[in-house]
C-alpha atoms as a PDB file:
ATOM      1  CA  MET A   1     -17.626 -12.308  -2.190  1.00  0.00           C
ATOM      2  CA  ASP A   2     -15.541  -9.249  -2.906  1.00  0.00           C
ATOM      3  CA  ARG A   3     -17.521  -6.018  -2.013  1.00  0.00           C
ATOM      4  CA  PRO A   4     -16.056  -2.786  -3.398  1.00  0.00           C
ATOM      5  CA  MET A   5     -15.094  -0.184  -0.683  1.00  0.00           C
ATOM      6  CA  GLN A   6     -18.143   2.532  -0.265  1.00  0.00           C
ATOM      7  CA  LEU A   7     -15.995   5.030   1.758  1.00  0.00           C
ATOM      8  CA  ASP A   8     -14.306   7.880   0.069  1.00  0.00           C
ATOM      9  CA  GLN A   9     -10.357   8.442   0.134  1.00  0.00           C
ATOM     10  CA  GLU A  10     -10.668  11.530   2.244  1.00  0.00           C
ATOM     11  CA  SER A  11     -12.742  10.082   5.010  1.00  0.00           C
ATOM     12  CA  LEU A  12     -10.452   6.924   4.788  1.00  0.00           C
ATOM     13  CA  VAL A  13      -7.290   9.037   5.115  1.00  0.00           C
ATOM     14  CA  SER A  14      -8.851  10.890   8.056  1.00  0.00           C
ATOM     15  CA  ALA A  15      -9.808   7.466   9.819  1.00  0.00           C
ATOM     16  CA  TRP A  16      -6.117   6.032   9.381  1.00  0.00           C
ATOM     17  CA  ARG A  17      -4.689   9.157  10.592  1.00  0.00           C
ATOM     18  CA  GLU A  18      -6.924   8.775  13.837  1.00  0.00           C
ATOM     19  CA  GLN A  19      -6.360   5.160  14.445  1.00  0.00           C
ATOM     20  CA  LEU A  20      -2.950   4.487  13.403  1.00  0.00           C
ATOM     21  CA  PRO A  21      -1.199   6.267  16.295  1.00  0.00           C
ATOM     22  CA  GLU A  22      -2.757   3.616  18.720  1.00  0.00           C
ATOM     23  CA  LEU A  23      -0.755   0.926  16.981  1.00  0.00           C
ATOM     24  CA  MET A  24       2.379   2.680  16.578  1.00  0.00           C
ATOM     25  CA  LYS A  25       5.569   2.242  18.843  1.00  0.00           C
ATOM     26  CA  GLU A  26       6.625   5.215  21.081  1.00  0.00           C
ATOM     27  CA  GLY A  27       8.844   7.546  19.062  1.00  0.00           C
ATOM     28  CA  ASP A  28       7.963   6.541  15.845  1.00  0.00           C
ATOM     29  CA  SER A  29       5.956   8.799  13.593  1.00  0.00           C
ATOM     30  CA  PHE A  30       4.203   8.693  10.254  1.00  0.00           C
ATOM     31  CA  SER A  31       2.198  10.156   7.638  1.00  0.00           C
ATOM     32  CA  VAL A  32      -0.645   9.277   5.865  1.00  0.00           C
ATOM     33  CA  GLN A  33      -1.639  10.678   2.225  1.00  0.00           C
ATOM     34  CA  ALA A  34      -4.190   9.996  -0.459  1.00  0.00           C
ATOM     35  CA  ASP A  35      -2.572   8.392  -3.393  1.00  0.00           C
ATOM     36  CA  GLU A  36      -3.322  10.513  -6.382  1.00  0.00           C
ATOM     37  CA  ALA A  37      -3.045   7.994  -8.950  1.00  0.00           C
ATOM     38  CA  ASP A  38      -5.364   5.341  -7.365  1.00  0.00           C
ATOM     39  CA  LYS A  39      -8.295   6.147  -5.209  1.00  0.00           C
ATOM     40  CA  GLN A  40      -8.212   2.953  -3.666  1.00  0.00           C
ATOM     41  CA  SER A  41      -4.817   3.471  -2.377  1.00  0.00           C
ATOM     42  CA  LEU A  42      -3.087   5.297   0.485  1.00  0.00           C
ATOM     43  CA  ARG A  43       0.382   6.249   0.719  1.00  0.00           C
ATOM     44  CA  ILE A  44       1.990   5.774   4.376  1.00  0.00           C
ATOM     45  CA  HIS A  45       5.390   7.058   5.458  1.00  0.00           C
ATOM     46  CA  PHE A  46       6.964   5.961   8.659  1.00  0.00           C
ATOM     47  CA  ASN A  47       9.849   7.356  10.445  1.00  0.00           C
ATOM     48  CA  ALA A  48      11.477   5.077  12.722  1.00  0.00           C
ATOM     49  CA  ALA A  49      12.639   6.076  16.251  1.00  0.00           C
ATOM     50  CA  GLY A  50      16.347   5.781  16.676  1.00  0.00           C
ATOM     51  CA  ARG A  51      19.773   7.313  15.772  1.00  0.00           C
ATOM     52  CA  GLN A  52      19.745   5.316  12.380  1.00  0.00           C
ATOM     53  CA  LYS A  53      16.663   7.338  11.171  1.00  0.00           C
ATOM     54  CA  TYR A  54      15.288   5.245   8.762  1.00  0.00           C
ATOM     55  CA  SER A  55      12.182   6.108   7.107  1.00  0.00           C
ATOM     56  CA  LEU A  56      10.079   3.672   4.823  1.00  0.00           C
ATOM     57  CA  ASP A  57       7.429   4.302   2.264  1.00  0.00           C
ATOM     58  CA  PHE A  58       4.247   1.882   1.797  1.00  0.00           C
ATOM     59  CA  LYS A  59       1.384   2.005  -0.724  1.00  0.00           C
ATOM     60  CA  CYS A  60      -1.766   0.348   1.065  1.00  0.00           C
ATOM     61  CA  THR A  61      -4.339  -0.504  -1.415  1.00  0.00           C
ATOM     62  CA  TYR A  62      -7.729  -1.746  -0.687  1.00  0.00           C
ATOM     63  CA  VAL A  63      -8.400  -4.944  -2.863  1.00  0.00           C
ATOM     64  CA  ASP A  64     -11.907  -4.686  -1.660  1.00  0.00           C
ATOM     65  CA  SER A  65     -13.955  -3.567   1.461  1.00  0.00           C
ATOM     66  CA  ARG A  66     -11.822  -6.180   4.031  1.00  0.00           C
ATOM     67  CA  GLU A  67      -8.781  -6.834   2.533  1.00  0.00           C
ATOM     68  CA  VAL A  68      -5.340  -4.537   1.697  1.00  0.00           C
ATOM     69  CA  ALA A  69      -2.428  -5.258  -0.331  1.00  0.00           C
ATOM     70  CA  VAL A  70       0.807  -3.500   1.344  1.00  0.00           C
ATOM     71  CA  ASN A  71       3.995  -2.808  -0.891  1.00  0.00           C
ATOM     72  CA  LEU A  72       7.090  -1.347   0.295  1.00  0.00           C
ATOM     73  CA  ILE A  73       7.687   1.633  -2.243  1.00  0.00           C
ATOM     74  CA  ASP A  74      10.950   3.270  -0.812  1.00  0.00           C
ATOM     75  CA  VAL A  75      13.296   3.184   2.316  1.00  0.00           C
ATOM     76  CA  GLU A  76      16.130   5.982   3.543  1.00  0.00           C
ATOM     77  CA  LYS A  77      18.465   5.828   6.089  1.00  0.00           C
ATOM     78  CA  SER A  78      19.463   9.535   7.160  1.00  0.00           C
ATOM     79  CA  GLY A  79      17.719  10.948   4.126  1.00  0.00           C
ATOM     80  CA  HIS A  80      19.779   8.668   1.545  1.00  0.00           C
ATOM     81  CA  GLN A  81      18.106   5.507  -0.189  1.00  0.00           C
ATOM     82  CA  THR A  82      19.453   2.244   1.276  1.00  0.00           C
ATOM     83  CA  ASP A  83      19.510  -1.312   0.907  1.00  0.00           C
ATOM     84  CA  GLU A  84      16.051  -2.733   1.799  1.00  0.00           C
ATOM     85  CA  HIS A  85      17.378  -6.311   2.067  1.00  0.00           C
ATOM     86  CA  THR A  86      19.238  -5.739   5.265  1.00  0.00           C
ATOM     87  CA  ASP A  87      17.838  -7.223   8.496  1.00  0.00           C
ATOM     88  CA  THR A  88      17.267  -3.973  10.291  1.00  0.00           C
ATOM     89  CA  VAL A  89      15.082  -2.671   7.294  1.00  0.00           C
ATOM     90  CA  GLN A  90      13.368  -6.346   6.831  1.00  0.00           C
ATOM     91  CA  ALA A  91      12.446  -6.172  10.706  1.00  0.00           C
ATOM     92  CA  LEU A  92      11.005  -2.389  10.393  1.00  0.00           C
ATOM     93  CA  ALA A  93       9.243  -3.419   7.128  1.00  0.00           C
ATOM     94  CA  GLN A  94       7.576  -6.343   8.728  1.00  0.00           C
ATOM     95  CA  GLN A  95       6.678  -4.537  11.624  1.00  0.00           C
ATOM     96  CA  TYR A  96       5.013  -1.470  10.081  1.00  0.00           C
ATOM     97  CA  THR A  97       3.433  -4.061   7.412  1.00  0.00           C
ATOM     98  CA  ARG A  98       1.603  -5.806  10.358  1.00  0.00           C
ATOM     99  CA  GLN A  99       0.639  -2.192  11.572  1.00  0.00           C
ATOM    100  CA  ILE A 100      -0.915  -1.316   8.424  1.00  0.00           C
ATOM    101  CA  HIS A 101      -2.888  -4.562   8.003  1.00  0.00           C
ATOM    102  CA  GLU A 102      -3.961  -3.961  12.157  1.00  0.00           C
ATOM    103  CA  CYS A 103      -5.218  -0.728  11.309  1.00  0.00           C
ATOM    104  CA  ALA A 104      -7.141  -1.627   8.438  1.00  0.00           C
ATOM    105  CA  GLN A 105      -8.711  -4.592  10.489  1.00  0.00           C
ATOM    106  CA  ALA A 106      -9.487  -2.152  12.996  1.00  0.00           C
ATOM    107  CA  LEU A 107     -10.966   0.154  10.547  1.00  0.00           C
ATOM    108  CA  GLN A 108     -13.385  -2.598   9.000  1.00  0.00           C
ATOM    109  CA  GLY A 109     -16.381  -1.144  10.513  1.00  0.00           C
ATOM    110  CA  LEU A 110     -15.958   1.768   8.351  1.00  0.00           C
ATOM    111  CA  THR A 111     -14.888   0.090   5.129  1.00  0.00           C
ATOM    112  CA  ASN A 112     -16.972  -3.022   5.519  1.00  0.00           C
ATOM    113  CA  PRO A 113     -20.133  -1.785   7.272  1.00  0.00           C
END
Protein backbone atom coordinates (compact mmCIF):
# COMPACT_ATOMS: atom_id res chain seq x y z
CA MET A 1 0.00 0.00 0.00
CA ASP A 2 1.48 3.33 -1.06
CA ARG A 3 1.56 5.93 1.68
CA PRO A 4 2.17 9.56 0.78
CA MET A 5 4.96 11.18 2.72
CA GLN A 6 3.87 13.50 5.52
CA LEU A 7 7.23 15.18 6.19
CA ASP A 8 7.62 18.68 4.76
CA GLN A 9 10.40 19.31 2.24
CA GLU A 10 12.42 21.65 4.47
CA SER A 11 12.56 19.07 7.28
CA LEU A 12 13.45 16.38 4.76
CA VAL A 13 16.37 18.42 3.36
CA SER A 14 17.63 19.03 6.90
CA ALA A 15 17.44 15.32 7.75
CA TRP A 16 19.34 14.40 4.57
CA ARG A 17 22.05 16.96 5.35
CA GLU A 18 22.54 15.32 8.75
CA GLN A 19 22.40 11.67 7.63
CA LEU A 20 24.24 11.64 4.30
CA PRO A 21 27.72 12.50 5.70
CA GLU A 22 27.68 9.23 7.65
CA LEU A 23 27.48 7.31 4.35
CA MET A 24 30.04 9.29 2.35
CA LYS A 25 33.57 8.27 1.48
CA GLU A 26 36.26 10.40 3.04
CA GLY A 27 37.14 13.33 0.79
CA ASP A 28 33.84 13.37 -1.11
CA SER A 29 31.49 16.29 -0.51
CA PHE A 30 27.85 16.95 -1.28
CA SER A 31 25.01 19.42 -1.10
CA VAL A 32 21.29 18.73 -0.73
CA GLN A 33 18.67 21.21 -1.92
CA ALA A 34 14.91 21.18 -2.18
CA ASP A 35 13.65 20.75 -5.73
CA GLU A 36 11.69 23.97 -6.24
CA ALA A 37 9.55 22.42 -8.99
CA ASP A 38 8.63 19.21 -7.13
CA LYS A 39 7.95 19.09 -3.40
CA GLN A 40 8.48 15.31 -3.38
CA SER A 41 12.04 15.64 -4.72
CA LEU A 42 15.51 16.64 -3.62
CA ARG A 43 18.49 17.72 -5.71
CA ILE A 44 21.74 16.15 -4.54
CA HIS A 45 25.13 17.29 -5.83
CA PHE A 46 28.24 15.17 -5.18
CA ASN A 47 31.87 16.23 -5.62
CA ALA A 48 34.09 13.17 -5.91
CA ALA A 49 37.45 13.19 -4.18
CA GLY A 50 40.45 12.93 -6.44
CA ARG A 51 42.39 14.71 -9.12
CA GLN A 52 39.80 14.30 -11.86
CA LYS A 53 37.29 16.57 -10.11
CA TYR A 54 34.09 14.79 -11.08
CA SER A 55 30.78 16.19 -9.90
CA LEU A 56 27.43 14.44 -10.30
CA ASP A 57 23.92 15.80 -9.89
CA PHE A 58 20.98 13.60 -8.96
CA LYS A 59 17.26 14.03 -8.53
CA CYS A 60 15.86 11.93 -5.69
CA THR A 61 12.07 11.64 -5.76
CA TYR A 62 9.97 10.09 -3.03
CA VAL A 63 7.59 7.75 -4.86
CA ASP A 64 5.86 7.19 -1.53
CA SER A 65 6.90 7.34 2.14
CA ARG A 66 9.19 4.29 1.76
CA GLU A 67 10.59 4.34 -1.78
CA VAL A 68 12.78 6.76 -3.74
CA ALA A 69 13.51 6.99 -7.44
CA VAL A 70 17.01 8.24 -8.25
CA ASN A 71 17.93 9.84 -11.57
CA LEU A 72 21.36 11.03 -12.68
CA ILE A 73 20.84 14.54 -14.08
CA ASP A 74 24.31 15.85 -14.94
CA VAL A 75 27.99 14.88 -14.81
CA GLU A 76 30.92 17.28 -14.98
CA LYS A 77 34.67 16.78 -14.96
CA SER A 78 36.77 19.78 -13.95
CA GLY A 79 33.74 22.03 -14.45
CA HIS A 80 32.84 20.81 -17.95
CA GLN A 81 30.09 18.42 -18.98
CA THR A 82 31.43 14.97 -19.71
CA ASP A 83 30.29 11.62 -21.07
CA GLU A 84 28.26 9.80 -18.44
CA HIS A 85 28.90 6.40 -20.06
CA THR A 86 32.59 6.03 -19.12
CA ASP A 87 33.52 3.32 -16.63
CA THR A 88 34.68 5.88 -14.07
CA VAL A 89 31.47 7.89 -14.20
CA GLN A 90 29.31 4.76 -14.12
CA ALA A 91 31.16 3.53 -11.01
CA LEU A 92 30.69 6.90 -9.30
CA ALA A 93 27.02 7.04 -10.30
CA GLN A 94 26.43 3.55 -8.88
CA GLN A 95 28.25 4.43 -5.67
CA TYR A 96 26.29 7.65 -5.13
CA THR A 97 22.98 6.04 -6.11
CA ARG A 98 23.61 3.35 -3.50
CA GLN A 99 24.40 6.03 -0.89
CA ILE A 100 21.19 7.89 -1.75
CA HIS A 101 19.15 4.71 -1.29
CA GLU A 102 20.97 3.94 1.98
CA CYS A 103 20.26 7.45 3.24
CA ALA A 104 16.58 7.19 2.31
CA GLN A 105 16.39 3.85 4.12
CA ALA A 106 18.10 5.30 7.21
CA LEU A 107 15.52 8.10 7.27
CA GLN A 108 12.46 5.84 7.05
CA GLY A 109 11.76 6.49 10.72
CA LEU A 110 10.94 10.08 9.67
CA THR A 111 9.40 9.49 6.25
CA ASN A 112 7.37 6.40 7.12
CA PRO A 113 6.59 6.62 10.85
